[in-house]
């Protein structure tokens, strides 16, 4: 469990990694990681939590617009991806985009996520559909990913179009961070990240289903960033965990709803949950009993890797810090039903 950031490795997160390693060894790399009982127990009954199903208050449109990337930024990102494809094509590779930008959940000036795949893949959906069930459910061997990204690093050092900003080859998913010089687009590059693509596709489908989901995810992500409570490298939720938690809230509300309603339901649900016993599970459609209790910690089941608890990175201490701030907004929301909680989250200090 050596880590460059040992303070971010909580006891709960370490235990989760142990469980994951054991499952991998038992399954010998099979798809068992995504089958059977997950963090949430599908045999238990759905936990009913009183949530407001529709708000009559609407956020200020100009504030929401500030959290949406401009069309020019998206055009620049697509241009950078095309130029990157030109650079890697001689090596028999192309890339497909996944992540927050691809799912329509990115904040302005966010990174672009791409993964290296064999030439011929036209989209994440097309590439994933060509894989075996085992390949869809697992990451490639880390040594293989590291080797490919090291070769890419050398290639980009000879390129006039890109510069390598950072290397993160020791993590769960090795990544190379590069910058397209002409557009200043920052790109995180991985190798054959099928699970990342599947998660992005899943979220894209949910964004289409729930009209206010994208804005609600951006609001909570923006608020957490403003208060230094965002980013896995810091021991907090990444953008994916925030999106999954908000999707679980949308499933719990169970009716198509707007951004304001979702944000109010988000803070209410986190305050009302029994953290020792309950888990947010978009897969099952709301809040369900946990299969494994690790104290008073927020649990969020990954809808693709069911045994992966996205909340474990917080541990008990950071969970309490986050919930302390959430309770302040929940109390404000209950006392100010005629004012927009979304506006307050966006501008709060």
Protein backbone atom coordinates (compact mmCIF):
# COMPACT_ATOMS: atom_id res chain seq x y z
CA UNK A 1 0.00 0.00 0.00
CA UNK A 2 2.86 2.38 -0.72
CA UNK A 3 1.50 5.73 -1.82
CA UNK A 4 2.85 9.18 -2.65
CA UNK A 5 -0.11 10.51 -0.63
CA UNK A 6 -0.41 8.13 2.36
CA UNK A 7 -2.65 10.56 4.26
CA UNK A 8 -5.31 9.98 1.60
CA UNK A 9 -5.36 6.19 2.11
CA UNK A 10 -7.97 5.74 4.83
CA UNK A 11 -8.46 2.47 6.69
CA UNK A 12 -11.78 2.05 4.87
CA UNK A 13 -10.13 2.58 1.48
CA UNK A 14 -7.34 0.13 2.32
CA UNK A 15 -9.90 -2.51 3.34
CA UNK A 16 -11.76 -1.94 0.11
CA UNK A 17 -8.56 -2.45 -1.90
CA UNK A 18 -7.98 -5.70 0.00
CA UNK A 19 -11.48 -6.87 -0.86
CA UNK A 20 -10.94 -5.94 -4.50
CA UNK A 21 -7.64 -7.82 -4.64
CA UNK A 22 -9.27 -10.91 -3.12
CA UNK A 23 -12.12 -10.79 -5.64
CA UNK A 24 -9.64 -10.42 -8.50
CA UNK A 25 -7.64 -13.44 -7.32
CA UNK A 26 -10.78 -15.54 -6.84
CA UNK A 27 -12.12 -14.57 -10.24
CA UNK A 28 -8.73 -14.86 -11.99
CA UNK A 29 -9.54 -11.71 -13.97
CA UNK A 30 -13.05 -12.80 -14.88
CA UNK A 31 -16.15 -10.67 -14.93
CA UNK A 32 -17.00 -11.67 -11.36
CA UNK A 33 -16.10 -8.14 -10.29
CA UNK A 34 -19.24 -6.81 -11.88
CA UNK A 35 -21.67 -9.57 -10.93
CA UNK A 36 -23.51 -10.72 -7.80
CA UNK A 37 -23.93 -8.78 -4.60
CA UNK A 38 -22.38 -5.34 -4.62
CA UNK A 39 -21.80 -2.63 -2.02
CA UNK A 40 -25.59 -2.39 -1.80
CA UNK A 41 -27.56 -5.51 -0.89
CA UNK A 42 -30.17 -6.18 -3.58
CA UNK A 43 -31.87 -8.63 -1.22
CA UNK A 44 -32.77 -5.81 1.18
CA UNK A 45 -35.69 -3.42 0.88
CA UNK A 46 -35.30 0.05 -0.56
CA UNK A 47 -34.89 2.64 2.20
CA UNK A 48 -37.63 5.28 2.03
CA UNK A 49 -36.38 8.81 2.78
CA UNK A 50 -38.71 11.78 2.56
CA UNK A 51 -37.47 13.97 -0.29
CA UNK A 52 -39.00 16.99 -1.97
CA UNK A 53 -40.14 15.78 -5.40
CA UNK A 54 -40.55 19.17 -7.04
CA UNK A 55 -39.33 22.65 -6.21
CA UNK A 56 -41.24 25.78 -7.19
CA UNK A 57 -38.02 27.83 -6.98
CA UNK A 58 -35.69 28.17 -9.94
CA UNK A 59 -32.00 29.10 -9.94
CA UNK A 60 -30.67 32.20 -11.67
CA UNK A 61 -30.03 31.22 -15.33
CA UNK A 62 -26.89 33.35 -15.56
CA UNK A 63 -25.30 31.51 -12.62
CA UNK A 64 -26.01 28.10 -14.14
CA UNK A 65 -24.66 29.29 -17.48
CA UNK A 66 -21.34 30.15 -15.80
CA UNK A 67 -20.89 26.46 -14.95
CA UNK A 68 -21.39 25.24 -18.54
CA UNK A 69 -18.41 25.06 -20.92
CA UNK A 70 -18.65 27.42 -23.90
CA UNK A 71 -19.12 25.95 -27.38
CA UNK A 72 -15.68 27.25 -28.40
CA UNK A 73 -14.04 25.25 -25.62
CA UNK A 74 -15.72 22.09 -26.87
CA UNK A 75 -14.61 22.80 -30.44
CA UNK A 76 -11.04 23.26 -29.23
CA UNK A 77 -11.18 19.93 -27.36
CA UNK A 78 -12.40 18.07 -30.45
CA UNK A 79 -9.64 19.70 -32.51
CA UNK A 80 -7.03 18.56 -29.96
CA UNK A 81 -8.38 15.01 -30.07
CA UNK A 82 -8.14 14.92 -33.88
CA UNK A 83 -4.55 16.17 -33.80
CA UNK A 84 -3.71 13.56 -31.16
CA UNK A 85 -5.12 10.86 -33.41
CA UNK A 86 -2.79 12.06 -36.18
CA UNK A 87 0.21 11.68 -33.87
CA UNK A 88 -0.58 8.13 -32.70
CA UNK A 89 -1.90 6.72 -35.99
CA UNK A 90 1.58 5.62 -37.26
CA UNK A 91 1.80 3.36 -34.20
CA UNK A 92 -1.44 1.61 -35.16
CA UNK A 93 -3.47 3.32 -32.45
CA UNK A 94 -6.33 5.76 -32.25
CA UNK A 95 -8.25 7.12 -29.28
CA UNK A 96 -11.84 7.51 -28.09
CA UNK A 97 -13.13 10.11 -25.65
CA UNK A 98 -14.83 9.25 -22.38
CA UNK A 99 -15.28 10.96 -19.02
CA UNK A 100 -17.06 14.12 -17.87
CA UNK A 101 -16.72 16.10 -21.09
CA UNK A 102 -17.99 13.21 -23.20
CA UNK A 103 -20.93 12.68 -20.84
CA UNK A 104 -21.84 16.37 -20.81
CA UNK A 105 -20.94 16.87 -17.14
CA UNK A 106 -17.74 18.92 -17.33
CA UNK A 107 -17.16 22.32 -15.77
CA UNK A 108 -15.45 25.05 -17.84
CA UNK A 109 -11.71 24.56 -18.43
CA UNK A 110 -11.87 20.89 -17.46
CA UNK A 111 -9.58 18.15 -18.72
CA UNK A 112 -10.47 15.87 -21.62
CA UNK A 113 -10.21 12.09 -21.06
CA UNK A 114 -9.17 9.82 -23.92
CA UNK A 115 -8.02 6.22 -24.01
CA UNK A 116 -5.76 4.53 -26.55
CA UNK A 117 -7.48 1.80 -28.60
CA UNK A 118 -6.67 -0.11 -31.80
CA UNK A 119 -7.24 1.70 -35.08
CA UNK A 120 -10.74 1.20 -36.42
CA UNK A 121 -12.69 2.08 -33.27
CA UNK A 122 -15.01 4.95 -34.19
CA UNK A 123 -16.56 5.56 -30.76
CA UNK A 124 -16.43 4.26 -27.17
CA UNK A 125 -19.64 2.30 -27.80
CA UNK A 126 -18.24 0.65 -30.94
CA UNK A 127 -14.96 -0.27 -29.24
CA UNK A 128 -16.58 -1.64 -26.06
CA UNK A 129 -19.02 -3.74 -28.10
CA UNK A 130 -16.06 -5.43 -29.82
CA UNK A 131 -14.55 -6.64 -26.53
CA UNK A 132 -15.03 -9.93 -24.70
CA UNK A 133 -16.93 -9.97 -21.42
CA UNK A 134 -13.66 -10.31 -19.50
CA UNK A 135 -12.11 -7.33 -21.31
CA UNK A 136 -15.20 -5.21 -20.61
CA UNK A 137 -15.05 -5.94 -16.88
CA UNK A 138 -11.34 -5.46 -16.14
CA UNK A 139 -8.53 -3.00 -16.65
CA UNK A 140 -5.61 -4.16 -18.82
CA UNK A 141 -2.50 -5.35 -16.93
CA UNK A 142 -0.89 -2.27 -15.41
CA UNK A 143 2.53 -3.19 -16.80
CA UNK A 144 1.11 -3.23 -20.34
CA UNK A 145 -0.55 0.16 -19.86
CA UNK A 146 2.63 1.62 -18.38
CA UNK A 147 4.70 0.35 -21.31
CA UNK A 148 2.32 1.83 -23.89
CA UNK A 149 2.22 5.20 -22.15
CA UNK A 150 6.02 5.30 -21.88
CA UNK A 151 6.26 4.74 -25.64
CA UNK A 152 3.68 7.50 -26.12
CA UNK A 153 5.71 9.77 -23.86
CA UNK A 154 8.75 9.36 -26.08
CA UNK A 155 6.65 9.95 -29.20
CA UNK A 156 5.16 13.15 -27.83
CA UNK A 157 8.58 14.45 -26.79
CA UNK A 158 9.40 14.48 -30.51
CA UNK A 159 6.10 16.13 -31.45
CA UNK A 160 5.73 19.87 -31.96
CA UNK A 161 1.98 19.76 -31.26
CA UNK A 162 1.88 18.36 -27.72
CA UNK A 163 3.79 18.61 -24.48
CA UNK A 164 3.75 16.12 -21.60
CA UNK A 165 2.59 17.88 -18.44
CA UNK A 166 2.61 14.97 -15.95
CA UNK A 167 2.99 11.21 -15.68
CA UNK A 168 0.94 9.13 -13.28
CA UNK A 169 1.98 5.60 -14.08
CA UNK A 170 1.80 4.12 -10.58
CA UNK A 171 -1.93 4.43 -9.96
CA UNK A 172 -4.81 2.02 -10.34
CA UNK A 173 -5.17 3.31 -13.91
CA UNK A 174 -1.87 4.62 -15.37
CA UNK A 175 -2.32 8.02 -17.01
CA UNK A 176 -0.31 10.50 -19.04
CA UNK A 177 -1.36 14.16 -18.89
CA UNK A 178 -0.59 16.12 -22.05
CA UNK A 179 -1.34 19.59 -23.42
CA UNK A 180 -2.23 20.45 -26.99
CA UNK A 181 -0.19 23.58 -27.61
CA UNK A 182 -2.43 25.22 -30.20
CA UNK A 183 -5.66 25.03 -28.18
CA UNK A 184 -4.19 24.70 -24.66
CA UNK A 185 -6.44 21.67 -24.14
CA UNK A 186 -5.35 19.42 -21.27
CA UNK A 187 -5.85 15.72 -21.97
CA UNK A 188 -5.55 12.71 -19.65
CA UNK A 189 -4.52 9.68 -21.71
CA UNK A 190 -5.04 6.07 -20.59
CA UNK A 191 -4.65 2.71 -22.35
CA UNK A 192 -7.62 0.51 -23.30
CA UNK A 193 -9.72 1.80 -20.42
CA UNK A 194 -12.87 -0.19 -21.13
CA UNK A 195 -14.32 0.32 -17.66
CA UNK A 196 -13.86 4.07 -17.96
CA UNK A 197 -15.68 4.04 -21.30
CA UNK A 198 -18.52 1.91 -19.94
CA UNK A 199 -18.99 4.26 -16.99
CA UNK A 200 -19.02 7.28 -19.30
CA UNK A 201 -21.59 5.64 -21.59
CA UNK A 202 -23.75 4.77 -18.58
CA UNK A 203 -23.66 8.36 -17.31
CA UNK A 204 -24.43 9.75 -20.77
CA UNK A 205 -27.59 7.67 -20.84
CA UNK A 206 -28.61 8.96 -17.41
CA UNK A 207 -28.01 12.57 -18.49
CA UNK A 208 -30.48 11.99 -21.33
CA UNK A 209 -33.00 10.45 -18.92
CA UNK A 210 -32.89 13.12 -16.18
CA UNK A 211 -33.22 16.67 -17.59
CA UNK A 212 -31.66 18.50 -14.63
CA UNK A 213 -28.92 15.98 -13.85
CA UNK A 214 -26.03 17.60 -15.75
CA UNK A 215 -26.55 21.02 -14.18
CA UNK A 216 -26.99 19.51 -10.70
CA UNK A 217 -23.73 17.54 -10.99
CA UNK A 218 -21.89 20.67 -12.11
CA UNK A 219 -23.31 22.70 -9.21
CA UNK A 220 -22.20 20.19 -6.56
CA UNK A 221 -18.82 19.68 -8.23
CA UNK A 222 -18.28 23.46 -8.40
CA UNK A 223 -19.25 23.86 -4.74
CA UNK A 224 -16.91 21.07 -3.60
CA UNK A 225 -14.03 22.51 -5.63
CA UNK A 226 -14.54 25.98 -4.16
CA UNK A 227 -14.20 24.49 -0.70
CA UNK A 228 -11.25 22.20 -1.49
CA UNK A 229 -13.33 19.06 -1.04
CA UNK A 230 -12.92 17.61 -4.53
CA UNK A 231 -10.28 15.42 -6.17
CA UNK A 232 -9.18 11.86 -5.51
CA UNK A 233 -5.53 12.95 -5.24
CA UNK A 234 -6.60 14.98 -2.17
CA UNK A 235 -8.63 12.16 -0.63
CA UNK A 236 -12.02 13.53 -1.72
CA UNK A 237 -14.61 12.55 -4.32
CA UNK A 238 -13.68 12.86 -7.95
CA UNK A 239 -16.15 14.05 -10.55
CA UNK A 240 -17.32 10.51 -11.28
CA UNK A 241 -18.28 9.80 -7.66
CA UNK A 242 -20.21 13.07 -7.48
CA UNK A 243 -22.08 12.21 -10.68
CA UNK A 244 -22.94 8.72 -9.43
CA UNK A 245 -24.17 10.08 -6.08
CA UNK A 246 -26.38 12.63 -7.82
CA UNK A 247 -27.72 9.94 -10.16
CA UNK A 248 -28.63 7.88 -7.09
CA UNK A 249 -30.52 10.89 -5.77
CA UNK A 250 -32.39 11.22 -9.06
CA UNK A 251 -33.34 7.54 -8.84
CA UNK A 252 -34.51 8.03 -5.24
CA UNK A 253 -36.69 10.99 -6.24
CA UNK A 254 -37.94 8.75 -9.08
CA UNK A 255 -39.59 11.47 -11.17
CA UNK A 256 -38.04 13.69 -13.88
CA UNK A 257 -36.91 16.79 -12.03
CA UNK A 258 -34.98 20.01 -12.38
CA UNK A 259 -31.59 21.08 -11.05
CA UNK A 260 -33.00 22.88 -8.00
CA UNK A 261 -35.03 19.86 -6.90
CA UNK A 262 -32.06 17.52 -7.34
CA UNK A 263 -29.69 19.71 -5.32
CA UNK A 264 -32.24 20.07 -2.51
CA UNK A 265 -32.81 16.31 -2.54
CA UNK A 266 -29.03 15.71 -2.54
CA UNK A 267 -28.39 17.61 0.69
CA UNK A 268 -31.55 16.24 2.33
CA UNK A 269 -30.70 12.62 1.47
CA UNK A 270 -27.11 12.84 2.73
CA UNK A 271 -28.34 14.29 6.02
CA UNK A 272 -31.13 11.73 6.43
CA UNK A 273 -29.18 8.57 5.56
CA UNK A 274 -28.00 6.16 8.24
CA UNK A 275 -24.35 6.17 7.17
CA UNK A 276 -23.53 3.00 9.08
CA UNK A 277 -26.26 0.97 7.39
CA UNK A 278 -27.25 2.66 4.13
CA UNK A 279 -25.71 2.96 0.67
CA UNK A 280 -26.56 5.09 -2.38
CA UNK A 281 -27.09 2.70 -5.30
CA UNK A 282 -28.16 4.02 -8.73
CA UNK A 283 -28.06 0.39 -9.92
CA UNK A 284 -30.88 -0.57 -7.55
CA UNK A 285 -32.63 2.78 -7.74
CA UNK A 286 -32.00 4.74 -4.56
CA UNK A 287 -30.83 4.01 -1.01
CA UNK A 288 -30.40 0.37 0.09
CA UNK A 289 -28.78 -1.54 2.98
CA UNK A 290 -25.02 -1.99 2.83
CA UNK A 291 -23.57 -5.47 2.52
CA UNK A 292 -20.51 -4.58 4.60
CA UNK A 293 -20.47 -2.01 7.40
CA UNK A 294 -17.27 -0.06 8.03
CA UNK A 295 -18.45 2.47 10.56
CA UNK A 296 -19.99 5.87 9.92
CA UNK A 297 -18.87 6.35 6.32
CA UNK A 298 -20.75 7.50 3.24
CA UNK A 299 -21.11 4.62 0.76
CA UNK A 300 -21.82 5.02 -2.96
CA UNK A 301 -22.00 1.89 -5.10
CA UNK A 302 -20.35 2.04 -8.51
CA UNK A 303 -23.06 0.99 -11.02
CA UNK A 304 -20.53 -0.78 -13.24
CA UNK A 305 -18.11 -2.27 -10.66
CA UNK A 306 -20.70 -3.20 -8.06
CA UNK A 307 -18.19 -4.14 -5.37
CA UNK A 308 -16.43 -0.78 -5.60
CA UNK A 309 -17.48 1.73 -2.92
CA UNK A 310 -16.81 5.21 -4.27
CA UNK A 311 -17.32 6.69 -0.80
CA UNK A 312 -14.54 4.68 0.86
CA UNK A 313 -11.92 7.24 -0.13
CA UNK A 314 -13.43 9.70 2.38
CA UNK A 315 -13.18 7.51 5.45
CA UNK A 316 -14.92 8.59 8.64
CA UNK A 317 -13.09 11.89 9.20
CA UNK A 318 -13.58 13.43 5.77
CA UNK A 319 -17.15 12.11 5.69
CA UNK A 320 -17.91 14.16 8.81
CA UNK A 321 -16.24 17.26 7.36
CA UNK A 322 -18.31 16.97 4.18
CA UNK A 323 -21.55 16.28 6.03
CA UNK A 324 -20.91 19.18 8.39
CA UNK A 325 -20.95 21.55 5.42
CA UNK A 326 -23.91 19.75 3.83
CA UNK A 327 -25.95 20.10 7.04
CA UNK A 328 -25.46 23.87 6.93
CA UNK A 329 -27.05 23.98 3.47
CA UNK A 330 -29.79 21.57 4.46
CA UNK A 331 -30.75 23.81 7.39
CA UNK A 332 -30.63 26.90 5.16
CA UNK A 333 -32.78 25.16 2.54
CA UNK A 334 -35.45 24.20 5.09
CA UNK A 335 -35.59 27.76 6.41
CA UNK A 336 -35.51 29.47 2.99
CA UNK A 337 -37.84 27.43 0.78
CA UNK A 338 -38.60 30.53 -1.30
CA UNK A 339 -34.91 31.06 -2.23
CA UNK A 340 -32.70 29.04 -4.58
CA UNK A 341 -30.34 26.57 -2.94
CA UNK A 342 -28.52 26.24 -6.27
CA UNK A 343 -27.71 29.96 -6.27
CA UNK A 344 -26.38 29.71 -2.73
CA UNK A 345 -24.20 26.69 -3.56
CA UNK A 346 -22.71 28.47 -6.57
CA UNK A 347 -21.80 31.73 -4.81
CA UNK A 348 -21.12 30.48 -1.26
CA UNK A 349 -17.73 31.25 0.31
